[in-house]
Amino acid sequence: MQGVVIYTTRFCPYCIRAKQVLDSKRVAYREIPVDNDPALRADMAAKAGRRSVPQIWIGKRHVGGCDELMALERSGKLDNLLKAAG
Protein backbone atom coordinates (compact mmCIF):
# COMPACT_ATOMS: atom_id res chain seq x y z
CA MET A 1 0.00 0.00 0.00
CA GLN A 2 1.54 3.29 -1.04
CA GLY A 3 0.54 6.86 -0.36
CA VAL A 4 -2.31 7.65 1.99
CA VAL A 5 -5.54 5.70 2.35
CA ILE A 6 -8.42 6.82 4.55
CA TYR A 7 -11.60 4.88 5.25
CA THR A 8 -14.48 7.24 5.99
CA THR A 9 -18.19 7.78 6.35
CA ARG A 10 -19.96 10.79 4.91
CA PHE A 11 -21.03 12.70 8.02
CA CYS A 12 -18.34 11.66 10.49
CA PRO A 13 -16.79 14.83 12.00
CA TYR A 14 -13.53 13.01 12.70
CA CYS A 15 -13.32 11.89 9.07
CA ILE A 16 -13.93 15.45 7.92
CA ARG A 17 -11.24 16.79 10.26
CA ALA A 18 -8.68 14.18 9.21
CA LYS A 19 -9.28 15.00 5.54
CA GLN A 20 -8.93 18.72 6.33
CA VAL A 21 -5.52 18.08 7.87
CA LEU A 22 -4.39 16.09 4.83
CA ASP A 23 -5.87 18.66 2.44
CA SER A 24 -4.05 21.49 4.28
CA LYS A 25 -0.81 19.64 3.58
CA ARG A 26 -1.78 19.16 -0.06
CA VAL A 27 -1.57 15.40 0.35
CA ALA A 28 -3.25 13.22 -2.23
CA TYR A 29 -5.12 10.39 -0.60
CA ARG A 30 -7.41 7.57 -1.58
CA GLU A 31 -10.70 7.86 0.27
CA ILE A 32 -12.69 4.67 0.74
CA PRO A 33 -16.23 5.42 1.96
CA VAL A 34 -17.75 2.61 4.00
CA ASP A 35 -21.25 4.11 4.32
CA ASN A 36 -23.88 1.47 3.65
CA ASP A 37 -21.29 -1.15 2.73
CA PRO A 38 -20.99 -3.69 5.55
CA ALA A 39 -18.55 -5.88 3.60
CA LEU A 40 -16.18 -2.97 2.97
CA ARG A 41 -16.41 -1.89 6.61
CA ALA A 42 -15.69 -5.47 7.69
CA ASP A 43 -12.64 -5.50 5.40
CA MET A 44 -11.46 -2.23 6.98
CA ALA A 45 -12.01 -3.64 10.48
CA ALA A 46 -10.07 -6.79 9.64
CA LYS A 47 -7.12 -4.70 8.45
CA ALA A 48 -7.25 -2.10 11.21
CA GLY A 49 -8.51 -4.14 14.13
CA ARG A 50 -11.13 -1.41 14.66
CA ARG A 51 -14.59 -0.68 13.28
CA SER A 52 -14.55 3.08 13.92
CA VAL A 53 -13.80 5.65 11.23
CA PRO A 54 -11.65 7.17 10.05
CA GLN A 55 -8.97 4.54 9.69
CA ILE A 56 -5.83 5.93 8.09
CA TRP A 57 -2.80 4.32 6.49
CA ILE A 58 0.27 6.27 5.48
CA GLY A 59 2.33 4.03 3.28
CA LYS A 60 2.24 0.60 4.90
CA ARG A 61 1.80 2.04 8.40
CA HIS A 62 -1.64 1.98 10.00
CA VAL A 63 -1.80 5.33 11.76
CA GLY A 64 -5.19 4.81 13.37
CA GLY A 65 -7.89 7.46 13.49
CA CYS A 66 -8.14 11.22 13.61
CA ASP A 67 -6.76 11.49 17.15
CA GLU A 68 -3.62 9.60 16.18
CA LEU A 69 -3.23 11.69 13.01
CA MET A 70 -3.50 14.88 15.06
CA ALA A 71 -0.98 13.57 17.59
CA LEU A 72 1.50 12.95 14.76
CA GLU A 73 0.90 16.50 13.54
CA ARG A 74 1.40 18.01 17.01
CA SER A 75 4.61 16.04 17.54
CA GLY A 76 6.02 17.18 14.19
CA LYS A 77 6.25 13.61 12.87
CA LEU A 78 3.45 13.73 10.30
CA ASP A 79 5.36 15.58 7.57
CA ASN A 80 8.26 13.12 7.60
CA LEU A 81 5.89 10.17 7.57
CA LEU A 82 4.03 11.64 4.58
CA LYS A 83 7.28 12.32 2.73
CA ALA A 84 8.50 8.78 3.30
CA ALA A 85 5.23 7.36 1.95
CA GLY A 86 5.57 9.36 -1.25
C-alpha atoms as a PDB file:
ATOM      1  CA  MET A   1       0.000   0.000   0.000  1.00  0.00           C
ATOM      2  CA  GLN A   2       1.542   3.292  -1.040  1.00  0.00           C
ATOM      3  CA  GLY A   3       0.538   6.859  -0.362  1.00  0.00           C
ATOM      4  CA  VAL A   4      -2.311   7.651   1.993  1.00  0.00           C
ATOM      5  CA  VAL A   5      -5.543   5.698   2.346  1.00  0.00           C
ATOM      6  CA  ILE A   6      -8.416   6.817   4.552  1.00  0.00           C
ATOM      7  CA  TYR A   7     -11.603   4.880   5.247  1.00  0.00           C
ATOM      8  CA  THR A   8     -14.479   7.244   5.995  1.00  0.00           C
ATOM      9  CA  THR A   9     -18.191   7.776   6.347  1.00  0.00           C
ATOM     10  CA  ARG A  10     -19.957  10.794   4.911  1.00  0.00           C
ATOM     11  CA  PHE A  11     -21.032  12.700   8.023  1.00  0.00           C
ATOM     12  CA  CYS A  12     -18.340  11.665  10.491  1.00  0.00           C
ATOM     13  CA  PRO A  13     -16.794  14.832  11.996  1.00  0.00           C
ATOM     14  CA  TYR A  14     -13.534  13.006  12.698  1.00  0.00           C
ATOM     15  CA  CYS A  15     -13.317  11.889   9.070  1.00  0.00           C
ATOM     16  CA  ILE A  16     -13.926  15.447   7.915  1.00  0.00           C
ATOM     17  CA  ARG A  17     -11.239  16.789  10.265  1.00  0.00           C
ATOM     18  CA  ALA A  18      -8.680  14.175   9.210  1.00  0.00           C
ATOM     19  CA  LYS A  19      -9.283  15.003   5.544  1.00  0.00           C
ATOM     20  CA  GLN A  20      -8.930  18.723   6.325  1.00  0.00           C
ATOM     21  CA  VAL A  21      -5.516  18.082   7.869  1.00  0.00           C
ATOM     22  CA  LEU A  22      -4.390  16.086   4.834  1.00  0.00           C
ATOM     23  CA  ASP A  23      -5.867  18.662   2.443  1.00  0.00           C
ATOM     24  CA  SER A  24      -4.052  21.485   4.280  1.00  0.00           C
ATOM     25  CA  LYS A  25      -0.806  19.643   3.583  1.00  0.00           C
ATOM     26  CA  ARG A  26      -1.780  19.164  -0.061  1.00  0.00           C
ATOM     27  CA  VAL A  27      -1.575  15.404   0.347  1.00  0.00           C
ATOM     28  CA  ALA A  28      -3.248  13.220  -2.234  1.00  0.00           C
ATOM     29  CA  TYR A  29      -5.121  10.389  -0.596  1.00  0.00           C
ATOM     30  CA  ARG A  30      -7.409   7.572  -1.583  1.00  0.00           C
ATOM     31  CA  GLU A  31     -10.697   7.856   0.266  1.00  0.00           C
ATOM     32  CA  ILE A  32     -12.692   4.667   0.743  1.00  0.00           C
ATOM     33  CA  PRO A  33     -16.227   5.420   1.963  1.00  0.00           C
ATOM     34  CA  VAL A  34     -17.747   2.609   4.000  1.00  0.00           C
ATOM     35  CA  ASP A  35     -21.251   4.109   4.316  1.00  0.00           C
ATOM     36  CA  ASN A  36     -23.879   1.474   3.654  1.00  0.00           C
ATOM     37  CA  ASP A  37     -21.288  -1.154   2.733  1.00  0.00           C
ATOM     38  CA  PRO A  38     -20.988  -3.693   5.548  1.00  0.00           C
ATOM     39  CA  ALA A  39     -18.555  -5.876   3.596  1.00  0.00           C
ATOM     40  CA  LEU A  40     -16.182  -2.971   2.966  1.00  0.00           C
ATOM     41  CA  ARG A  41     -16.408  -1.889   6.605  1.00  0.00           C
ATOM     42  CA  ALA A  42     -15.690  -5.470   7.692  1.00  0.00           C
ATOM     43  CA  ASP A  43     -12.636  -5.503   5.403  1.00  0.00           C
ATOM     44  CA  MET A  44     -11.456  -2.234   6.983  1.00  0.00           C
ATOM     45  CA  ALA A  45     -12.011  -3.643  10.479  1.00  0.00           C
ATOM     46  CA  ALA A  46     -10.067  -6.787   9.637  1.00  0.00           C
ATOM     47  CA  LYS A  47      -7.120  -4.705   8.448  1.00  0.00           C
ATOM     48  CA  ALA A  48      -7.249  -2.100  11.211  1.00  0.00           C
ATOM     49  CA  GLY A  49      -8.508  -4.140  14.132  1.00  0.00           C
ATOM     50  CA  ARG A  50     -11.127  -1.408  14.664  1.00  0.00           C
ATOM     51  CA  ARG A  51     -14.592  -0.681  13.282  1.00  0.00           C
ATOM     52  CA  SER A  52     -14.552   3.083  13.921  1.00  0.00           C
ATOM     53  CA  VAL A  53     -13.801   5.645  11.232  1.00  0.00           C
ATOM     54  CA  PRO A  54     -11.655   7.167  10.048  1.00  0.00           C
ATOM     55  CA  GLN A  55      -8.968   4.545   9.689  1.00  0.00           C
ATOM     56  CA  ILE A  56      -5.834   5.935   8.085  1.00  0.00           C
ATOM     57  CA  TRP A  57      -2.800   4.320   6.494  1.00  0.00           C
ATOM     58  CA  ILE A  58       0.271   6.271   5.476  1.00  0.00           C
ATOM     59  CA  GLY A  59       2.335   4.029   3.280  1.00  0.00           C
ATOM     60  CA  LYS A  60       2.243   0.601   4.898  1.00  0.00           C
ATOM     61  CA  ARG A  61       1.798   2.043   8.397  1.00  0.00           C
ATOM     62  CA  HIS A  62      -1.644   1.985  10.000  1.00  0.00           C
ATOM     63  CA  VAL A  63      -1.801   5.330  11.761  1.00  0.00           C
ATOM     64  CA  GLY A  64      -5.193   4.809  13.373  1.00  0.00           C
ATOM     65  CA  GLY A  65      -7.886   7.456  13.489  1.00  0.00           C
ATOM     66  CA  CYS A  66      -8.144  11.220  13.610  1.00  0.00           C
ATOM     67  CA  ASP A  67      -6.764  11.491  17.151  1.00  0.00           C
ATOM     68  CA  GLU A  68      -3.622   9.597  16.180  1.00  0.00           C
ATOM     69  CA  LEU A  69      -3.227  11.687  13.010  1.00  0.00           C
ATOM     70  CA  MET A  70      -3.502  14.877  15.061  1.00  0.00           C
ATOM     71  CA  ALA A  71      -0.975  13.566  17.591  1.00  0.00           C
ATOM     72  CA  LEU A  72       1.498  12.946  14.762  1.00  0.00           C
ATOM     73  CA  GLU A  73       0.897  16.497  13.536  1.00  0.00           C
ATOM     74  CA  ARG A  74       1.396  18.011  17.008  1.00  0.00           C
ATOM     75  CA  SER A  75       4.611  16.037  17.539  1.00  0.00           C
ATOM     76  CA  GLY A  76       6.021  17.179  14.192  1.00  0.00           C
ATOM     77  CA  LYS A  77       6.248  13.611  12.873  1.00  0.00           C
ATOM     78  CA  LEU A  78       3.453  13.729  10.297  1.00  0.00           C
ATOM     79  CA  ASP A  79       5.359  15.585   7.574  1.00  0.00           C
ATOM     80  CA  ASN A  80       8.261  13.120   7.599  1.00  0.00           C
ATOM     81  CA  LEU A  81       5.887  10.171   7.570  1.00  0.00           C
ATOM     82  CA  LEU A  82       4.033  11.644   4.582  1.00  0.00           C
ATOM     83  CA  LYS A  83       7.283  12.319   2.728  1.00  0.00           C
ATOM     84  CA  ALA A  84       8.502   8.776   3.300  1.00  0.00           C
ATOM     85  CA  ALA A  85       5.228   7.364   1.952  1.00  0.00           C
ATOM     86  CA  GLY A  86       5.570   9.355  -1.247  1.00  0.00           C
END
